[in-house]
PDB file of all heavy atoms in Angstrom:
ATOM      1  N   LEU A   1      -1.476  -8.437   0.198  1.00  0.00           N
ATOM      2  CA  LEU A   1      -0.074  -7.780   0.129  1.00  0.00           C
ATOM      3  C   LEU A   1       0.019  -6.538   0.830  1.00  0.00           C
ATOM      4  O   LEU A   1       1.212  -6.017   0.937  1.00  0.00           O
ATOM      5  CB  LEU A   1       0.317  -7.739  -1.442  1.00  0.00           C
ATOM      6  CG  LEU A   1       0.432  -8.989  -2.206  1.00  0.00           C
ATOM      7  CD1 LEU A   1       0.635  -8.727  -3.697  1.00  0.00           C
ATOM      8  CD2 LEU A   1       1.646  -9.772  -1.648  1.00  0.00           C
ATOM      9  N   ALA A   2      -1.003  -6.041   1.280  1.00  0.00           N
ATOM     10  CA  ALA A   2      -0.925  -4.707   2.125  1.00  0.00           C
ATOM     11  C   ALA A   2      -0.774  -5.141   3.549  1.00  0.00           C
ATOM     12  O   ALA A   2      -0.673  -4.146   4.448  1.00  0.00           O
ATOM     13  CB  ALA A   2      -2.110  -3.933   1.896  1.00  0.00           C
ATOM     14  N   SER A   3      -0.748  -6.427   3.957  1.00  0.00           N
ATOM     15  CA  SER A   3      -0.592  -6.856   5.353  1.00  0.00           C
ATOM     16  C   SER A   3       0.814  -6.640   5.774  1.00  0.00           C
ATOM     17  O   SER A   3       1.813  -6.752   5.025  1.00  0.00           O
ATOM     18  CB  SER A   3      -0.884  -8.327   5.373  1.00  0.00           C
ATOM     19  OG  SER A   3      -0.573  -8.863   6.592  1.00  0.00           O
ATOM     20  N   PRO A   4       0.869  -6.212   7.109  1.00  0.00           N
ATOM     21  CA  PRO A   4       2.310  -5.919   7.663  1.00  0.00           C
ATOM     22  C   PRO A   4       3.115  -7.260   7.599  1.00  0.00           C
ATOM     23  O   PRO A   4       4.411  -7.238   7.705  1.00  0.00           O
ATOM     24  CB  PRO A   4       2.020  -5.575   9.096  1.00  0.00           C
ATOM     25  CG  PRO A   4       0.691  -5.023   9.116  1.00  0.00           C
ATOM     26  CD  PRO A   4      -0.100  -5.833   8.032  1.00  0.00           C
ATOM     27  N   SER A   5       2.601  -8.514   7.497  1.00  0.00           N
ATOM     28  CA  SER A   5       3.320  -9.620   7.462  1.00  0.00           C
ATOM     29  C   SER A   5       3.976  -9.948   6.050  1.00  0.00           C
ATOM     30  O   SER A   5       4.841 -10.904   5.969  1.00  0.00           O
ATOM     31  CB  SER A   5       2.451 -10.844   7.975  1.00  0.00           C
ATOM     32  OG  SER A   5       1.364 -10.936   7.004  1.00  0.00           O
ATOM     33  N   THR A   6       3.552  -9.165   5.165  1.00  0.00           N
ATOM     34  CA  THR A   6       4.225  -9.463   3.788  1.00  0.00           C
ATOM     35  C   THR A   6       5.610  -8.933   3.682  1.00  0.00           C
ATOM     36  O   THR A   6       5.849  -7.842   4.277  1.00  0.00           O
ATOM     37  CB  THR A   6       3.230  -8.673   2.745  1.00  0.00           C
ATOM     38  OG1 THR A   6       1.931  -8.998   2.704  1.00  0.00           O
ATOM     39  CG2 THR A   6       3.785  -8.760   1.253  1.00  0.00           C
ATOM     40  N   PRO A   7       6.450  -9.687   3.153  1.00  0.00           N
ATOM     41  CA  PRO A   7       7.871  -9.119   2.992  1.00  0.00           C
ATOM     42  C   PRO A   7       7.953  -7.753   2.311  1.00  0.00           C
ATOM     43  O   PRO A   7       7.129  -7.431   1.505  1.00  0.00           O
ATOM     44  CB  PRO A   7       8.441 -10.201   2.004  1.00  0.00           C
ATOM     45  CG  PRO A   7       7.723 -11.423   2.251  1.00  0.00           C
ATOM     46  CD  PRO A   7       6.290 -11.032   2.558  1.00  0.00           C
ATOM     47  N   ALA A   8       8.900  -6.970   2.893  1.00  0.00           N
ATOM     48  CA  ALA A   8       8.888  -5.588   2.541  1.00  0.00           C
ATOM     49  C   ALA A   8       8.919  -5.274   1.001  1.00  0.00           C
ATOM     50  O   ALA A   8       8.305  -4.329   0.592  1.00  0.00           O
ATOM     51  CB  ALA A   8      10.161  -4.858   3.244  1.00  0.00           C
ATOM     52  N   HIS A   9       9.717  -6.115   0.343  1.00  0.00           N
ATOM     53  CA  HIS A   9       9.758  -5.843  -1.069  1.00  0.00           C
ATOM     54  C   HIS A   9       8.517  -6.059  -1.932  1.00  0.00           C
ATOM     55  O   HIS A   9       8.453  -5.607  -3.029  1.00  0.00           O
ATOM     56  CB  HIS A   9      11.026  -6.572  -1.694  1.00  0.00           C
ATOM     57  CG  HIS A   9      10.679  -8.120  -1.834  1.00  0.00           C
ATOM     58  ND1 HIS A   9      10.594  -9.016  -0.780  1.00  0.00           N
ATOM     59  CD2 HIS A   9      10.367  -8.831  -2.973  1.00  0.00           C
ATOM     60  CE1 HIS A   9      10.334 -10.168  -1.195  1.00  0.00           C
ATOM     61  NE2 HIS A   9      10.113 -10.133  -2.462  1.00  0.00           N
ATOM     62  N   ARG A  10       7.669  -6.760  -1.223  1.00  0.00           N
ATOM     63  CA  ARG A  10       6.370  -7.112  -1.947  1.00  0.00           C
ATOM     64  C   ARG A  10       5.251  -6.351  -1.360  1.00  0.00           C
ATOM     65  O   ARG A  10       4.088  -6.451  -1.925  1.00  0.00           O
ATOM     66  CB  ARG A  10       6.129  -8.588  -1.983  1.00  0.00           C
ATOM     67  CG  ARG A  10       7.150  -9.370  -2.659  1.00  0.00           C
ATOM     68  CD  ARG A  10       6.576 -10.837  -2.833  1.00  0.00           C
ATOM     69  NE  ARG A  10       5.457 -10.811  -3.829  1.00  0.00           N
ATOM     70  CZ  ARG A  10       4.470 -11.767  -3.879  1.00  0.00           C
ATOM     71  NH1 ARG A  10       4.490 -12.744  -2.991  1.00  0.00           N
ATOM     72  NH2 ARG A  10       3.524 -11.679  -4.830  1.00  0.00           N
ATOM     73  N   ARG A  11       5.456  -5.721  -0.277  1.00  0.00           N
ATOM     74  CA  ARG A  11       4.288  -5.150   0.568  1.00  0.00           C
ATOM     75  C   ARG A  11       3.802  -3.878  -0.050  1.00  0.00           C
ATOM     76  O   ARG A  11       4.555  -3.091  -0.633  1.00  0.00           O
ATOM     77  CB  ARG A  11       4.806  -4.770   1.952  1.00  0.00           C
ATOM     78  CG  ARG A  11       3.619  -4.364   2.939  1.00  0.00           C
ATOM     79  CD  ARG A  11       4.106  -3.957   4.163  1.00  0.00           C
ATOM     80  NE  ARG A  11       4.941  -5.055   4.752  1.00  0.00           N
ATOM     81  CZ  ARG A  11       6.026  -4.735   5.562  1.00  0.00           C
ATOM     82  NH1 ARG A  11       6.400  -3.650   5.796  1.00  0.00           N
ATOM     83  NH2 ARG A  11       6.772  -5.883   5.925  1.00  0.00           N
ATOM     84  N   ILE A  12       2.463  -3.726  -0.138  1.00  0.00           N
ATOM     85  CA  ILE A  12       1.891  -2.361  -0.689  1.00  0.00           C
ATOM     86  C   ILE A  12       1.535  -1.576   0.501  1.00  0.00           C
ATOM     87  O   ILE A  12       0.844  -1.911   1.465  1.00  0.00           O
ATOM     88  CB  ILE A  12       0.543  -2.772  -1.452  1.00  0.00           C
ATOM     89  CG1 ILE A  12       0.850  -3.706  -2.589  1.00  0.00           C
ATOM     90  CG2 ILE A  12      -0.027  -1.541  -1.939  1.00  0.00           C
ATOM     91  CD1 ILE A  12      -0.372  -4.369  -3.255  1.00  0.00           C
ATOM     92  N   GLN A  13       2.195  -0.411   0.383  1.00  0.00           N
ATOM     93  CA  GLN A  13       1.912   0.701   1.429  1.00  0.00           C
ATOM     94  C   GLN A  13       0.566   1.341   1.086  1.00  0.00           C
ATOM     95  O   GLN A  13       0.364   1.824  -0.046  1.00  0.00           O
ATOM     96  CB  GLN A  13       2.950   1.681   1.530  1.00  0.00           C
ATOM     97  CG  GLN A  13       4.416   1.119   1.867  1.00  0.00           C
ATOM     98  CD  GLN A  13       4.430   0.490   3.228  1.00  0.00           C
ATOM     99  OE1 GLN A  13       3.712   0.903   4.034  1.00  0.00           O
ATOM    100  NE2 GLN A  13       5.383  -0.483   3.413  1.00  0.00           N
ATOM    101  N   VAL A  14      -0.275   1.553   2.059  1.00  0.00           N
ATOM    102  CA  VAL A  14      -1.630   2.077   1.789  1.00  0.00           C
ATOM    103  C   VAL A  14      -1.772   3.377   2.672  1.00  0.00           C
ATOM    104  O   VAL A  14      -1.124   3.698   3.671  1.00  0.00           O
ATOM    105  CB  VAL A  14      -2.729   1.120   2.053  1.00  0.00           C
ATOM    106  CG1 VAL A  14      -2.677  -0.164   1.092  1.00  0.00           C
ATOM    107  CG2 VAL A  14      -2.796   0.713   3.609  1.00  0.00           C
ATOM    108  N   ILE A  15      -2.724   4.160   2.317  1.00  0.00           N
ATOM    109  CA  ILE A  15      -3.215   5.303   2.980  1.00  0.00           C
ATOM    110  C   ILE A  15      -4.714   5.289   3.268  1.00  0.00           C
ATOM    111  O   ILE A  15      -5.367   4.554   2.638  1.00  0.00           O
ATOM    112  CB  ILE A  15      -2.916   6.710   2.287  1.00  0.00           C
ATOM    113  CG1 ILE A  15      -3.599   6.698   0.983  1.00  0.00           C
ATOM    114  CG2 ILE A  15      -1.240   6.874   2.020  1.00  0.00           C
ATOM    115  CD1 ILE A  15      -3.502   8.053   0.216  1.00  0.00           C
ATOM    116  N   LYS A  16      -5.105   6.082   4.232  1.00  0.00           N
ATOM    117  CA  LYS A  16      -6.606   6.081   4.475  1.00  0.00           C
ATOM    118  C   LYS A  16      -7.140   7.501   4.104  1.00  0.00           C
ATOM    119  O   LYS A  16      -6.472   8.593   4.431  1.00  0.00           O
ATOM    120  CB  LYS A  16      -6.878   5.916   6.022  1.00  0.00           C
ATOM    121  CG  LYS A  16      -6.733   4.409   6.448  1.00  0.00           C
ATOM    122  CD  LYS A  16      -7.853   3.622   5.979  1.00  0.00           C
ATOM    123  CE  LYS A  16      -7.920   2.188   6.668  1.00  0.00           C
ATOM    124  NZ  LYS A  16      -9.003   1.502   6.148  1.00  0.00           N
ATOM    125  N   GLU A  17      -8.163   7.562   3.506  1.00  0.00           N
ATOM    126  CA  GLU A  17      -8.874   8.709   3.078  1.00  0.00           C
ATOM    127  C   GLU A  17     -10.324   8.573   3.314  1.00  0.00           C
ATOM    128  O   GLU A  17     -11.061   7.984   2.616  1.00  0.00           O
ATOM    129  CB  GLU A  17      -8.691   9.042   1.531  1.00  0.00           C
ATOM    130  CG  GLU A  17      -9.210  10.472   1.127  1.00  0.00           C
ATOM    131  CD  GLU A  17      -8.812  10.864  -0.169  1.00  0.00           C
ATOM    132  OE1 GLU A  17      -7.683  11.185  -0.513  1.00  0.00           O
ATOM    133  OE2 GLU A  17      -9.837  10.789  -1.106  1.00  0.00           O
ATOM    134  N   GLY A  18     -10.720   9.053   4.547  1.00  0.00           N
ATOM    135  CA  GLY A  18     -12.085   8.867   5.152  1.00  0.00           C
ATOM    136  C   GLY A  18     -12.116   7.343   5.331  1.00  0.00           C
ATOM    137  O   GLY A  18     -11.289   6.830   6.116  1.00  0.00           O
ATOM    138  N   ARG A  19     -13.137   6.771   4.948  1.00  0.00           N
ATOM    139  CA  ARG A  19     -13.308   5.307   5.054  1.00  0.00           C
ATOM    140  C   ARG A  19     -12.669   4.355   3.999  1.00  0.00           C
ATOM    141  O   ARG A  19     -12.710   3.182   4.079  1.00  0.00           O
ATOM    142  CB  ARG A  19     -14.904   4.935   5.088  1.00  0.00           C
ATOM    143  CG  ARG A  19     -15.610   5.608   6.212  1.00  0.00           C
ATOM    144  CD  ARG A  19     -17.085   5.458   6.144  1.00  0.00           C
ATOM    145  NE  ARG A  19     -17.435   3.986   6.433  1.00  0.00           N
ATOM    146  CZ  ARG A  19     -18.635   3.531   6.496  1.00  0.00           C
ATOM    147  NH1 ARG A  19     -19.577   4.367   6.217  1.00  0.00           N
ATOM    148  NH2 ARG A  19     -18.801   2.211   6.670  1.00  0.00           N
ATOM    149  N   ARG A  20     -11.972   5.035   3.031  1.00  0.00           N
ATOM    150  CA  ARG A  20     -11.402   4.267   1.962  1.00  0.00           C
ATOM    151  C   ARG A  20      -9.880   3.982   2.169  1.00  0.00           C
ATOM    152  O   ARG A  20      -9.183   4.916   2.766  1.00  0.00           O
ATOM    153  CB  ARG A  20     -11.542   5.147   0.626  1.00  0.00           C
ATOM    154  CG  ARG A  20     -12.905   5.467   0.249  1.00  0.00           C
ATOM    155  CD  ARG A  20     -12.969   6.347  -1.080  1.00  0.00           C
ATOM    156  NE  ARG A  20     -12.543   5.470  -2.345  1.00  0.00           N
ATOM    157  CZ  ARG A  20     -12.454   5.889  -3.435  1.00  0.00           C
ATOM    158  NH1 ARG A  20     -12.736   7.221  -3.747  1.00  0.00           N
ATOM    159  NH2 ARG A  20     -12.061   5.246  -4.436  1.00  0.00           N
ATOM    160  N   THR A  21      -9.521   2.912   1.731  1.00  0.00           N
ATOM    161  CA  THR A  21      -8.150   2.428   1.753  1.00  0.00           C
ATOM    162  C   THR A  21      -7.556   2.546   0.442  1.00  0.00           C
ATOM    163  O   THR A  21      -8.075   2.003  -0.670  1.00  0.00           O
ATOM    164  CB  THR A  21      -7.977   1.039   2.243  1.00  0.00           C
ATOM    165  OG1 THR A  21      -8.454   0.898   3.572  1.00  0.00           O
ATOM    166  CG2 THR A  21      -6.414   0.674   2.352  1.00  0.00           C
ATOM    167  N   LEU A  22      -6.543   3.350   0.122  1.00  0.00           N
ATOM    168  CA  LEU A  22      -6.107   3.771  -1.134  1.00  0.00           C
ATOM    169  C   LEU A  22      -4.533   3.569  -1.275  1.00  0.00           C
ATOM    170  O   LEU A  22      -3.839   3.502  -0.214  1.00  0.00           O
ATOM    171  CB  LEU A  22      -6.424   5.103  -1.574  1.00  0.00           C
ATOM    172  CG  LEU A  22      -7.897   5.421  -1.661  1.00  0.00           C
ATOM    173  CD1 LEU A  22      -8.164   6.883  -1.658  1.00  0.00           C
ATOM    174  CD2 LEU A  22      -8.566   4.750  -2.834  1.00  0.00           C
ATOM    175  N   ILE A  23      -4.045   3.559  -2.447  1.00  0.00           N
ATOM    176  CA  ILE A  23      -2.594   3.327  -2.694  1.00  0.00           C
ATOM    177  C   ILE A  23      -2.193   4.656  -3.441  1.00  0.00           C
ATOM    178  O   ILE A  23      -2.831   5.112  -4.436  1.00  0.00           O
ATOM    179  CB  ILE A  23      -2.200   2.227  -3.564  1.00  0.00           C
ATOM    180  CG1 ILE A  23      -2.688   0.977  -2.845  1.00  0.00           C
ATOM    181  CG2 ILE A  23      -0.704   2.133  -3.834  1.00  0.00           C
ATOM    182  CD1 ILE A  23      -3.975   0.347  -3.441  1.00  0.00           C
ATOM    183  N   GLU A  24      -1.189   5.399  -2.982  1.00  0.00           N
ATOM    184  CA  GLU A  24      -0.690   6.681  -3.761  1.00  0.00           C
ATOM    185  C   GLU A  24      -0.146   6.241  -4.952  1.00  0.00           C
ATOM    186  O   GLU A  24       0.399   5.102  -5.193  1.00  0.00           O
ATOM    187  CB  GLU A  24       0.272   7.386  -2.710  1.00  0.00           C
ATOM    188  CG  GLU A  24      -0.369   7.866  -1.616  1.00  0.00           C
ATOM    189  CD  GLU A  24       0.662   8.751  -0.671  1.00  0.00           C
ATOM    190  OE1 GLU A  24       1.718   8.229  -0.593  1.00  0.00           O
ATOM    191  OE2 GLU A  24       0.269   9.834  -0.188  1.00  0.00           O
ATOM    192  N   HIS A  25      -0.238   7.256  -5.950  1.00  0.00           N
ATOM    193  CA  HIS A  25       0.334   6.989  -7.275  1.00  0.00           C
ATOM    194  C   HIS A  25       1.794   6.517  -7.323  1.00  0.00           C
ATOM    195  O   HIS A  25       2.085   5.534  -7.974  1.00  0.00           O
ATOM    196  CB  HIS A  25       0.139   8.208  -8.082  1.00  0.00           C
ATOM    197  CG  HIS A  25       0.560   8.036  -9.482  1.00  0.00           C
ATOM    198  ND1 HIS A  25       1.904   8.258  -9.960  1.00  0.00           N
ATOM    199  CD2 HIS A  25      -0.138   7.901 -10.565  1.00  0.00           C
ATOM    200  CE1 HIS A  25       1.903   7.971 -11.253  1.00  0.00           C
ATOM    201  NE2 HIS A  25       0.671   7.739 -11.700  1.00  0.00           N
ATOM    202  N   GLY A  26       2.617   7.162  -6.565  1.00  0.00           N
ATOM    203  CA  GLY A  26       3.964   6.802  -6.454  1.00  0.00           C
ATOM    204  C   GLY A  26       4.260   5.445  -6.003  1.00  0.00           C
ATOM    205  O   GLY A  26       5.018   4.651  -6.501  1.00  0.00           O
ATOM    206  N   GLU A  27       3.435   4.896  -4.960  1.00  0.00           N
ATOM    207  CA  GLU A  27       3.591   3.682  -4.420  1.00  0.00           C
ATOM    208  C   GLU A  27       3.109   2.564  -5.423  1.00  0.00           C
ATOM    209  O   GLU A  27       3.685   1.582  -5.547  1.00  0.00           O
ATOM    210  CB  GLU A  27       2.793   3.622  -3.125  1.00  0.00           C
ATOM    211  CG  GLU A  27       2.632   2.216  -2.473  1.00  0.00           C
ATOM    212  CD  GLU A  27       3.958   1.546  -2.047  1.00  0.00           C
ATOM    213  OE1 GLU A  27       5.055   2.211  -2.191  1.00  0.00           O
ATOM    214  OE2 GLU A  27       3.920   0.419  -1.770  1.00  0.00           O
ATOM    215  N   ALA A  28       2.001   2.963  -6.083  1.00  0.00           N
ATOM    216  CA  ALA A  28       1.527   1.995  -7.101  1.00  0.00           C
ATOM    217  C   ALA A  28       2.394   1.846  -8.211  1.00  0.00           C
ATOM    218  O   ALA A  28       2.694   0.600  -8.582  1.00  0.00           O
ATOM    219  CB  ALA A  28       0.175   2.489  -7.644  1.00  0.00           C
ATOM    220  N   LYS A  29       3.052   2.869  -8.572  1.00  0.00           N
ATOM    221  CA  LYS A  29       4.020   2.761  -9.664  1.00  0.00           C
ATOM    222  C   LYS A  29       5.279   1.944  -9.239  1.00  0.00           C
ATOM    223  O   LYS A  29       5.782   1.098 -10.002  1.00  0.00           O
ATOM    224  CB  LYS A  29       4.493   4.083 -10.151  1.00  0.00           C
ATOM    225  CG  LYS A  29       5.250   4.200 -11.437  1.00  0.00           C
ATOM    226  CD  LYS A  29       5.357   5.532 -11.979  1.00  0.00           C
ATOM    227  CE  LYS A  29       6.224   5.610 -13.226  1.00  0.00           C
ATOM    228  NZ  LYS A  29       6.200   7.062 -13.817  1.00  0.00           N
ATOM    229  N   ARG A  30       5.655   2.239  -8.011  1.00  0.00           N
ATOM    230  CA  ARG A  30       6.851   1.486  -7.475  1.00  0.00           C
ATOM    231  C   ARG A  30       6.524  -0.029  -7.386  1.00  0.00           C
ATOM    232  O   ARG A  30       7.348  -0.846  -7.797  1.00  0.00           O
ATOM    233  CB  ARG A  30       7.227   2.068  -6.103  1.00  0.00           C
ATOM    234  CG  ARG A  30       8.418   1.371  -5.424  1.00  0.00           C
ATOM    235  CD  ARG A  30       8.424   1.503  -3.903  1.00  0.00           C
ATOM    236  NE  ARG A  30       7.217   0.782  -3.290  1.00  0.00           N
ATOM    237  CZ  ARG A  30       7.247  -0.568  -3.055  1.00  0.00           C
ATOM    238  NH1 ARG A  30       8.266  -1.257  -3.472  1.00  0.00           N
ATOM    239  NH2 ARG A  30       6.131  -1.147  -2.508  1.00  0.00           N
ATOM    240  N   TRP A  31       5.482  -0.274  -6.835  1.00  0.00           N
ATOM    241  CA  TRP A  31       5.132  -1.715  -6.606  1.00  0.00           C
ATOM    242  C   TRP A  31       4.937  -2.494  -7.791  1.00  0.00           C
ATOM    243  O   TRP A  31       5.493  -3.579  -7.920  1.00  0.00           O
ATOM    244  CB  TRP A  31       3.851  -1.699  -5.724  1.00  0.00           C
ATOM    245  CG  TRP A  31       3.609  -3.227  -5.287  1.00  0.00           C
ATOM    246  CD1 TRP A  31       3.963  -3.939  -4.171  1.00  0.00           C
ATOM    247  CD2 TRP A  31       2.692  -4.102  -6.136  1.00  0.00           C
ATOM    248  NE1 TRP A  31       3.459  -5.230  -4.315  1.00  0.00           N
ATOM    249  CE2 TRP A  31       2.727  -5.365  -5.425  1.00  0.00           C
ATOM    250  CE3 TRP A  31       1.927  -4.033  -7.156  1.00  0.00           C
ATOM    251  CZ2 TRP A  31       1.985  -6.440  -5.792  1.00  0.00           C
ATOM    252  CZ3 TRP A  31       1.177  -5.160  -7.728  1.00  0.00           C
ATOM    253  CH2 TRP A  31       1.238  -6.269  -7.000  1.00  0.00           C
TER     254      TRP A  31
END
């Protein structure tokens, strides 16, 4: 669901922190 091909309303926006892929708190709550 973090893929760019996922429809916008279902897509999970991610961030990079070093080698880790994470979801910010606000984005997790929204999703």
